[in-house]
N, C-alpha and C. Protein backbone atom coordinates (compact mmCIF):
# COMPACT_ATOMS: atom_id res chain seq x y z
N MET A 1 78.56 37.46 6.09
CA MET A 1 79.98 37.40 5.85
C MET A 1 80.75 37.09 7.12
N GLY A 2 80.20 37.54 8.25
CA GLY A 2 80.84 37.30 9.53
C GLY A 2 80.97 35.83 9.85
N LEU A 3 79.96 35.04 9.46
CA LEU A 3 80.04 33.59 9.69
C LEU A 3 81.16 32.97 8.88
N PHE A 4 81.31 33.38 7.63
CA PHE A 4 82.36 32.82 6.81
C PHE A 4 83.76 33.21 7.33
N LEU A 5 83.92 34.45 7.74
CA LEU A 5 85.22 34.85 8.30
C LEU A 5 85.51 34.13 9.59
N GLY A 6 84.46 33.90 10.38
CA GLY A 6 84.63 33.12 11.62
C GLY A 6 85.08 31.69 11.32
N LEU A 7 84.51 31.06 10.29
CA LEU A 7 84.94 29.74 9.90
C LEU A 7 86.40 29.74 9.44
N GLY A 8 86.78 30.76 8.68
CA GLY A 8 88.18 30.85 8.23
C GLY A 8 89.13 30.97 9.38
N MET A 9 88.78 31.82 10.33
CA MET A 9 89.67 32.00 11.53
C MET A 9 89.67 30.74 12.38
N ALA A 10 88.50 30.08 12.51
CA ALA A 10 88.45 28.84 13.27
C ALA A 10 89.33 27.76 12.66
N GLY A 11 89.40 27.75 11.33
CA GLY A 11 90.28 26.80 10.64
C GLY A 11 91.73 27.06 10.94
N ILE A 12 92.11 28.32 11.03
CA ILE A 12 93.50 28.66 11.37
C ILE A 12 93.82 28.26 12.80
N VAL A 13 92.87 28.51 13.71
CA VAL A 13 93.05 28.08 15.11
C VAL A 13 93.15 26.57 15.19
N LEU A 14 92.33 25.86 14.40
CA LEU A 14 92.39 24.41 14.37
C LEU A 14 93.73 23.92 13.83
N LEU A 15 94.26 24.61 12.86
CA LEU A 15 95.59 24.24 12.34
C LEU A 15 96.67 24.44 13.40
N ALA A 16 96.58 25.51 14.15
CA ALA A 16 97.54 25.72 15.26
C ALA A 16 97.37 24.60 16.29
N ALA A 17 96.13 24.20 16.56
CA ALA A 17 95.90 23.10 17.51
C ALA A 17 96.45 21.78 16.98
N ALA A 18 96.44 21.63 15.65
CA ALA A 18 96.96 20.42 15.04
C ALA A 18 98.45 20.27 15.31
N LEU A 19 99.15 21.39 15.39
CA LEU A 19 100.57 21.31 15.71
C LEU A 19 100.81 20.80 17.12
N VAL A 20 99.89 21.17 18.04
CA VAL A 20 100.01 20.77 19.44
C VAL A 20 99.46 19.37 19.67
N LEU A 21 98.32 19.06 19.05
CA LEU A 21 97.61 17.81 19.28
C LEU A 21 97.81 16.83 18.13
N ASP A 22 99.02 16.70 17.65
CA ASP A 22 99.32 15.90 16.50
C ASP A 22 98.89 14.43 16.68
N GLY A 23 98.00 13.97 15.82
CA GLY A 23 97.60 12.57 15.82
C GLY A 23 96.46 12.21 16.76
N VAL A 24 95.92 13.15 17.54
CA VAL A 24 94.90 12.83 18.53
C VAL A 24 93.58 12.42 17.82
N LEU A 25 93.14 13.17 16.83
CA LEU A 25 91.90 12.86 16.17
C LEU A 25 91.97 11.53 15.44
N GLU A 26 93.13 11.22 14.85
CA GLU A 26 93.28 9.95 14.18
C GLU A 26 93.13 8.79 15.17
N GLY A 27 93.57 9.00 16.41
CA GLY A 27 93.45 7.96 17.43
C GLY A 27 92.00 7.68 17.77
N PHE A 28 91.15 8.68 17.76
CA PHE A 28 89.71 8.47 18.06
C PHE A 28 89.04 7.63 16.98
N PHE A 29 89.44 7.86 15.73
CA PHE A 29 88.78 7.17 14.61
C PHE A 29 89.62 6.03 14.06
N ASP A 30 90.56 5.51 14.85
CA ASP A 30 91.45 4.45 14.41
C ASP A 30 90.64 3.24 13.99
N GLY A 31 90.78 2.83 12.77
CA GLY A 31 90.08 1.68 12.26
C GLY A 31 88.63 1.93 11.91
N ALA A 32 88.16 3.18 11.93
CA ALA A 32 86.78 3.48 11.60
C ALA A 32 86.51 3.13 10.16
N LEU A 33 85.47 2.38 9.91
CA LEU A 33 85.03 1.95 8.58
C LEU A 33 86.17 1.29 7.81
N GLY A 34 86.94 0.47 8.51
CA GLY A 34 88.00 -0.27 7.85
C GLY A 34 89.10 0.60 7.27
N GLY A 35 89.35 1.76 7.84
CA GLY A 35 90.40 2.65 7.36
C GLY A 35 89.98 3.45 6.14
N LEU A 36 88.67 3.51 5.84
CA LEU A 36 88.19 4.23 4.67
C LEU A 36 88.61 5.70 4.70
N PHE A 37 88.55 6.31 5.86
CA PHE A 37 88.90 7.72 5.99
C PHE A 37 90.31 7.91 6.55
N ASP A 38 91.18 6.97 6.34
CA ASP A 38 92.54 7.03 6.91
C ASP A 38 93.25 8.28 6.37
N GLY A 39 93.59 9.19 7.25
CA GLY A 39 94.28 10.42 6.89
C GLY A 39 93.32 11.56 6.60
N TRP A 40 92.10 11.28 6.17
CA TRP A 40 91.15 12.34 5.86
C TRP A 40 90.60 12.99 7.10
N LEU A 41 90.62 12.30 8.22
CA LEU A 41 90.09 12.89 9.46
C LEU A 41 91.21 13.43 10.32
N SER A 42 92.30 13.85 9.71
CA SER A 42 93.38 14.45 10.48
C SER A 42 93.08 15.93 10.69
N LEU A 43 93.61 16.48 11.77
CA LEU A 43 93.34 17.88 12.06
C LEU A 43 93.85 18.83 10.97
N PRO A 44 95.01 18.62 10.37
CA PRO A 44 95.41 19.53 9.28
C PRO A 44 94.46 19.53 8.10
N VAL A 45 93.93 18.35 7.74
CA VAL A 45 93.02 18.26 6.60
C VAL A 45 91.71 18.98 6.92
N ILE A 46 91.20 18.74 8.11
CA ILE A 46 89.94 19.42 8.51
C ILE A 46 90.17 20.93 8.61
N ALA A 47 91.32 21.34 9.15
CA ALA A 47 91.62 22.75 9.25
C ALA A 47 91.71 23.42 7.89
N GLY A 48 92.35 22.73 6.92
CA GLY A 48 92.45 23.28 5.57
C GLY A 48 91.07 23.42 4.93
N PHE A 49 90.21 22.42 5.13
CA PHE A 49 88.86 22.49 4.59
C PHE A 49 88.06 23.65 5.19
N VAL A 50 88.07 23.72 6.51
CA VAL A 50 87.27 24.77 7.20
C VAL A 50 87.81 26.17 6.84
N SER A 51 89.10 26.34 6.80
CA SER A 51 89.68 27.65 6.47
C SER A 51 89.28 28.09 5.07
N MET A 52 89.45 27.20 4.10
CA MET A 52 89.13 27.55 2.72
C MET A 52 87.62 27.76 2.53
N LEU A 53 86.82 26.95 3.22
CA LEU A 53 85.37 27.14 3.17
C LEU A 53 85.02 28.55 3.62
N GLY A 54 85.56 28.92 4.78
CA GLY A 54 85.24 30.22 5.34
C GLY A 54 85.76 31.40 4.55
N PHE A 55 87.03 31.38 4.21
CA PHE A 55 87.63 32.53 3.51
C PHE A 55 87.11 32.64 2.06
N THR A 56 86.96 31.52 1.37
CA THR A 56 86.41 31.58 0.00
C THR A 56 84.95 32.04 0.04
N GLY A 57 84.18 31.52 0.99
CA GLY A 57 82.79 31.97 1.12
C GLY A 57 82.69 33.45 1.38
N ALA A 58 83.57 33.98 2.23
CA ALA A 58 83.57 35.42 2.51
C ALA A 58 83.94 36.21 1.28
N ILE A 59 84.92 35.76 0.51
CA ILE A 59 85.31 36.46 -0.70
C ILE A 59 84.20 36.45 -1.75
N VAL A 60 83.57 35.31 -1.96
CA VAL A 60 82.50 35.22 -2.93
C VAL A 60 81.31 36.08 -2.47
N LEU A 61 80.97 35.99 -1.21
CA LEU A 61 79.82 36.76 -0.70
C LEU A 61 80.09 38.27 -0.78
N GLY A 62 81.31 38.68 -0.46
CA GLY A 62 81.62 40.11 -0.45
C GLY A 62 81.88 40.71 -1.80
N SER A 63 82.37 39.91 -2.76
CA SER A 63 82.76 40.48 -4.04
C SER A 63 81.74 40.27 -5.17
N THR A 64 80.75 39.46 -4.93
CA THR A 64 79.74 39.24 -5.97
C THR A 64 78.36 39.52 -5.38
N GLY A 65 77.38 39.50 -6.23
CA GLY A 65 76.02 39.71 -5.76
C GLY A 65 75.33 38.39 -5.45
N LEU A 66 76.07 37.31 -5.43
CA LEU A 66 75.49 35.99 -5.15
C LEU A 66 75.17 35.90 -3.67
N GLY A 67 74.29 35.01 -3.31
CA GLY A 67 73.90 34.86 -1.92
C GLY A 67 74.77 33.89 -1.17
N ALA A 68 74.29 33.49 0.01
CA ALA A 68 75.04 32.61 0.87
C ALA A 68 75.17 31.21 0.31
N GLY A 69 74.15 30.75 -0.44
CA GLY A 69 74.21 29.38 -1.01
C GLY A 69 75.34 29.21 -1.99
N PRO A 70 75.46 30.04 -3.03
CA PRO A 70 76.60 29.91 -3.92
C PRO A 70 77.95 30.15 -3.24
N ALA A 71 77.97 31.05 -2.26
CA ALA A 71 79.21 31.31 -1.53
C ALA A 71 79.63 30.05 -0.74
N THR A 72 78.65 29.36 -0.17
CA THR A 72 78.95 28.12 0.56
C THR A 72 79.41 27.04 -0.40
N ALA A 73 78.78 26.94 -1.55
CA ALA A 73 79.19 25.94 -2.56
C ALA A 73 80.61 26.18 -3.05
N ALA A 74 80.92 27.44 -3.35
CA ALA A 74 82.28 27.77 -3.77
C ALA A 74 83.28 27.50 -2.69
N GLY A 75 82.93 27.84 -1.44
CA GLY A 75 83.81 27.58 -0.32
C GLY A 75 84.01 26.10 -0.09
N ALA A 76 82.94 25.30 -0.26
CA ALA A 76 83.04 23.85 -0.06
C ALA A 76 83.96 23.24 -1.13
N LEU A 77 83.82 23.71 -2.38
CA LEU A 77 84.68 23.18 -3.45
C LEU A 77 86.14 23.50 -3.20
N THR A 78 86.46 24.72 -2.83
CA THR A 78 87.86 25.06 -2.55
C THR A 78 88.33 24.37 -1.27
N GLY A 79 87.42 24.18 -0.33
CA GLY A 79 87.78 23.49 0.91
C GLY A 79 88.13 22.03 0.64
N ILE A 80 87.39 21.39 -0.22
CA ILE A 80 87.70 20.02 -0.59
C ILE A 80 89.06 19.94 -1.29
N GLY A 81 89.30 20.93 -2.15
CA GLY A 81 90.61 20.97 -2.81
C GLY A 81 91.76 21.18 -1.83
N ALA A 82 91.56 22.08 -0.88
CA ALA A 82 92.61 22.35 0.13
C ALA A 82 92.79 21.13 1.04
N GLY A 83 91.69 20.47 1.40
CA GLY A 83 91.80 19.27 2.22
C GLY A 83 92.54 18.15 1.51
N TRP A 84 92.21 17.97 0.21
CA TRP A 84 92.87 16.94 -0.59
C TRP A 84 94.38 17.22 -0.71
N LEU A 85 94.70 18.48 -0.99
CA LEU A 85 96.09 18.87 -1.11
C LEU A 85 96.86 18.68 0.20
N THR A 86 96.24 19.03 1.29
CA THR A 86 96.88 18.84 2.60
C THR A 86 97.07 17.35 2.87
N TRP A 87 96.10 16.54 2.53
CA TRP A 87 96.19 15.09 2.75
C TRP A 87 97.35 14.52 1.90
N ARG A 88 97.45 14.94 0.63
CA ARG A 88 98.52 14.43 -0.23
C ARG A 88 99.89 14.87 0.25
N LEU A 89 100.04 16.15 0.58
CA LEU A 89 101.34 16.67 1.01
C LEU A 89 101.78 16.05 2.34
N SER A 90 100.89 15.97 3.29
CA SER A 90 101.25 15.39 4.60
C SER A 90 101.56 13.92 4.44
N GLY A 91 100.83 13.22 3.55
CA GLY A 91 101.12 11.80 3.30
C GLY A 91 102.49 11.60 2.71
N SER A 92 102.85 12.46 1.76
CA SER A 92 104.18 12.32 1.14
C SER A 92 105.30 12.64 2.14
N LEU A 93 105.05 13.60 3.03
CA LEU A 93 106.04 13.87 4.06
C LEU A 93 106.21 12.72 5.04
N MET A 94 105.11 12.05 5.36
CA MET A 94 105.16 10.94 6.31
C MET A 94 105.85 9.72 5.69
N ARG A 95 105.80 9.57 4.37
CA ARG A 95 106.45 8.44 3.72
C ARG A 95 107.87 8.69 3.36
N ASP A 96 108.41 9.85 3.60
CA ASP A 96 109.77 10.19 3.20
C ASP A 96 110.78 9.50 4.13
N ARG A 97 111.02 8.25 3.86
CA ARG A 97 111.95 7.46 4.68
C ARG A 97 112.95 6.76 3.78
N ASN A 98 113.51 7.48 2.83
CA ASN A 98 114.37 6.86 1.84
C ASN A 98 115.80 6.65 2.28
N ALA A 99 116.25 7.34 3.27
CA ALA A 99 117.63 7.22 3.70
C ALA A 99 117.72 6.43 5.01
N ALA A 100 118.57 5.44 5.04
CA ALA A 100 118.74 4.65 6.27
C ALA A 100 119.67 5.41 7.20
N ALA A 101 119.43 5.24 8.49
CA ALA A 101 120.29 5.87 9.49
C ALA A 101 121.67 5.20 9.45
N PRO A 102 122.73 6.00 9.55
CA PRO A 102 124.06 5.41 9.51
C PRO A 102 124.31 4.54 10.73
N ARG A 103 125.03 3.45 10.51
CA ARG A 103 125.38 2.52 11.58
C ARG A 103 126.86 2.65 11.88
N GLY A 104 127.29 2.07 13.00
CA GLY A 104 128.70 2.12 13.36
C GLY A 104 129.60 1.48 12.33
N SER A 105 129.13 0.41 11.73
CA SER A 105 129.95 -0.29 10.74
C SER A 105 130.17 0.55 9.47
N ASP A 106 129.31 1.54 9.26
CA ASP A 106 129.49 2.40 8.09
C ASP A 106 130.70 3.33 8.24
N LEU A 107 131.22 3.48 9.45
CA LEU A 107 132.36 4.36 9.67
C LEU A 107 133.69 3.73 9.30
N ILE A 108 133.75 2.41 9.28
CA ILE A 108 135.00 1.70 9.04
C ILE A 108 135.51 2.03 7.63
N GLY A 109 136.77 2.50 7.55
CA GLY A 109 137.38 2.89 6.28
C GLY A 109 137.20 4.34 5.92
N ILE A 110 136.47 5.10 6.71
CA ILE A 110 136.25 6.52 6.44
C ILE A 110 137.49 7.30 6.83
N ALA A 111 137.86 8.28 6.03
CA ALA A 111 138.97 9.14 6.35
C ALA A 111 138.47 10.37 7.06
N GLY A 112 139.25 10.81 8.06
CA GLY A 112 138.91 12.01 8.81
C GLY A 112 140.15 12.73 9.24
N SER A 113 139.99 13.76 10.07
CA SER A 113 141.15 14.51 10.54
C SER A 113 141.09 14.62 12.06
N VAL A 114 142.26 14.67 12.66
CA VAL A 114 142.38 14.78 14.12
C VAL A 114 142.16 16.22 14.53
N VAL A 115 141.27 16.47 15.49
CA VAL A 115 141.05 17.81 15.95
C VAL A 115 141.63 18.01 17.35
N THR A 116 141.78 16.94 18.10
CA THR A 116 142.49 16.97 19.37
C THR A 116 143.50 15.83 19.33
N ALA A 117 144.78 16.14 19.59
CA ALA A 117 145.83 15.14 19.46
C ALA A 117 145.46 13.87 20.22
N ILE A 118 145.85 12.71 19.63
CA ILE A 118 145.57 11.42 20.24
C ILE A 118 146.86 10.90 20.86
N PRO A 119 146.86 10.77 22.22
CA PRO A 119 148.05 10.17 22.85
C PRO A 119 148.08 8.66 22.69
N ALA A 120 149.22 8.05 22.93
CA ALA A 120 149.33 6.60 22.78
C ALA A 120 148.52 5.82 23.80
N ASP A 121 148.27 6.44 24.96
CA ASP A 121 147.55 5.71 26.01
C ASP A 121 146.20 6.31 26.34
N GLY A 122 145.63 7.10 25.49
CA GLY A 122 144.35 7.73 25.80
C GLY A 122 143.55 8.06 24.57
N TYR A 123 142.62 8.95 24.76
CA TYR A 123 141.72 9.36 23.68
C TYR A 123 141.95 10.78 23.23
N GLY A 124 141.75 11.03 21.96
CA GLY A 124 141.73 12.36 21.35
C GLY A 124 140.39 12.48 20.64
N GLU A 125 140.33 13.41 19.68
CA GLU A 125 139.11 13.60 18.94
C GLU A 125 139.39 13.69 17.45
N VAL A 126 138.48 13.10 16.65
CA VAL A 126 138.59 13.16 15.21
C VAL A 126 137.29 13.69 14.62
N LEU A 127 137.37 14.29 13.46
CA LEU A 127 136.21 14.78 12.76
C LEU A 127 135.99 13.88 11.55
N LEU A 128 134.80 13.21 11.51
CA LEU A 128 134.49 12.29 10.42
C LEU A 128 133.22 12.71 9.71
N PRO A 129 133.17 12.50 8.39
CA PRO A 129 131.92 12.82 7.69
C PRO A 129 130.90 11.68 7.86
N VAL A 130 129.76 12.01 8.45
CA VAL A 130 128.70 11.03 8.64
C VAL A 130 127.45 11.57 7.93
N ALA A 131 126.98 10.86 6.94
CA ALA A 131 125.81 11.29 6.14
C ALA A 131 126.01 12.68 5.58
N GLY A 132 127.24 12.98 5.19
CA GLY A 132 127.55 14.29 4.59
C GLY A 132 127.81 15.41 5.57
N GLN A 133 127.71 15.14 6.88
CA GLN A 133 127.92 16.17 7.88
C GLN A 133 129.13 15.83 8.73
N PRO A 134 129.94 16.80 9.11
CA PRO A 134 131.08 16.52 9.96
C PRO A 134 130.62 16.24 11.42
N VAL A 135 131.11 15.12 11.97
CA VAL A 135 130.73 14.73 13.33
C VAL A 135 132.00 14.41 14.11
N LYS A 136 132.07 14.91 15.32
CA LYS A 136 133.25 14.69 16.15
C LYS A 136 133.11 13.40 16.96
N PHE A 137 134.14 12.56 16.96
CA PHE A 137 134.15 11.29 17.66
C PHE A 137 135.38 11.26 18.57
N ALA A 138 135.25 10.58 19.70
CA ALA A 138 136.43 10.27 20.52
C ALA A 138 137.22 9.21 19.78
N ALA A 139 138.55 9.32 19.81
CA ALA A 139 139.36 8.39 19.03
C ALA A 139 140.58 7.95 19.81
N LYS A 140 140.94 6.68 19.60
CA LYS A 140 142.19 6.19 20.16
C LYS A 140 143.01 5.56 19.04
N SER A 141 144.31 5.48 19.27
CA SER A 141 145.20 4.94 18.27
C SER A 141 146.34 4.20 18.96
N ASP A 142 146.94 3.23 18.25
CA ASP A 142 148.08 2.51 18.82
C ASP A 142 149.29 3.42 18.98
N ALA A 143 149.43 4.37 18.10
CA ALA A 143 150.55 5.31 18.16
C ALA A 143 150.01 6.73 18.34
N PRO A 144 150.77 7.63 18.91
CA PRO A 144 150.29 9.00 19.06
C PRO A 144 150.09 9.63 17.69
N VAL A 145 149.04 10.46 17.59
CA VAL A 145 148.72 11.15 16.34
C VAL A 145 148.53 12.61 16.66
N GLN A 146 149.21 13.47 15.90
CA GLN A 146 149.15 14.92 16.10
C GLN A 146 147.88 15.52 15.53
N ARG A 147 147.55 16.70 16.07
CA ARG A 147 146.38 17.46 15.58
C ARG A 147 146.58 17.82 14.12
N GLY A 148 145.52 17.67 13.32
CA GLY A 148 145.56 17.99 11.89
C GLY A 148 145.92 16.83 11.00
N ALA A 149 146.39 15.73 11.59
CA ALA A 149 146.78 14.55 10.79
C ALA A 149 145.54 13.88 10.21
N GLU A 150 145.72 13.28 9.02
CA GLU A 150 144.64 12.54 8.40
C GLU A 150 144.69 11.11 8.91
N VAL A 151 143.49 10.56 9.26
CA VAL A 151 143.40 9.20 9.81
C VAL A 151 142.29 8.41 9.12
N TRP A 152 142.40 7.09 9.24
CA TRP A 152 141.36 6.19 8.78
C TRP A 152 140.78 5.47 9.94
N VAL A 153 139.48 5.21 9.90
CA VAL A 153 138.82 4.48 10.98
C VAL A 153 139.05 2.98 10.76
N GLU A 154 139.59 2.32 11.80
CA GLU A 154 139.81 0.88 11.75
C GLU A 154 138.67 0.10 12.40
N GLU A 155 138.09 0.68 13.45
CA GLU A 155 137.10 -0.04 14.21
C GLU A 155 136.17 0.97 14.92
N THR A 156 134.92 0.57 15.08
CA THR A 156 133.99 1.37 15.87
C THR A 156 133.94 0.78 17.26
N LEU A 157 134.36 1.56 18.27
CA LEU A 157 134.40 1.06 19.64
C LEU A 157 133.07 1.23 20.36
N SER A 158 132.38 2.31 20.06
CA SER A 158 131.06 2.61 20.66
C SER A 158 130.36 3.58 19.70
N PRO A 159 129.14 3.95 19.99
CA PRO A 159 128.48 4.92 19.11
C PRO A 159 129.18 6.26 19.01
N THR A 160 130.04 6.58 19.97
CA THR A 160 130.72 7.87 19.95
C THR A 160 132.24 7.79 19.94
N SER A 161 132.79 6.60 19.78
CA SER A 161 134.25 6.48 19.75
C SER A 161 134.70 5.47 18.72
N VAL A 162 135.91 5.74 18.15
CA VAL A 162 136.46 4.91 17.11
C VAL A 162 137.93 4.66 17.37
N SER A 163 138.44 3.62 16.71
CA SER A 163 139.88 3.37 16.73
C SER A 163 140.39 3.74 15.34
N VAL A 164 141.46 4.53 15.30
CA VAL A 164 141.96 5.03 14.01
C VAL A 164 143.42 4.72 13.83
N ARG A 165 143.89 4.86 12.61
CA ARG A 165 145.33 4.76 12.29
C ARG A 165 145.68 5.91 11.37
N PRO A 166 146.89 6.43 11.49
CA PRO A 166 147.30 7.53 10.59
C PRO A 166 147.41 7.06 9.14
N VAL A 167 147.10 7.97 8.23
CA VAL A 167 147.25 7.69 6.81
C VAL A 167 148.70 7.95 6.46
N GLU A 168 149.34 6.96 5.83
CA GLU A 168 150.73 7.12 5.42
C GLU A 168 150.75 7.34 3.92
N ARG A 169 151.33 8.42 3.52
CA ARG A 169 151.39 8.78 2.09
C ARG A 169 152.79 8.77 1.62
């Protein structure tokens, strides 16, 4: 049973190492067998397999009268399942690229509010919603704008500054 528990703990240590050495093992086997094992030789997948092999083997060995052979078989089956699940989940996380990063041109026409008054000859600050989150930008305007006023973005001057005009209602 000590061997199985050691394998389970080694799998957890390997998983911790996977957080530090992300992608190293994949680099060693890059292009191996035409990408046949692409993703299967990642540290998280191997760690999931080894952990489940060890812990399941220890549980089967300790709770039943079966020997080491059936305990190893049960551990290997659950290890394969854990490895497959890890491979599928990590793959879906890596492919989650459905939202495009906002660009400067996306700000034009957005309404926001002034958080630091904008003088006629300088910059103030406005709060604009970007991708659903409030973001503070440096802002300039042709006319002075008081704090709390609602403004519209006319132009993007740089990644962190905009030109605005007051909303007239």
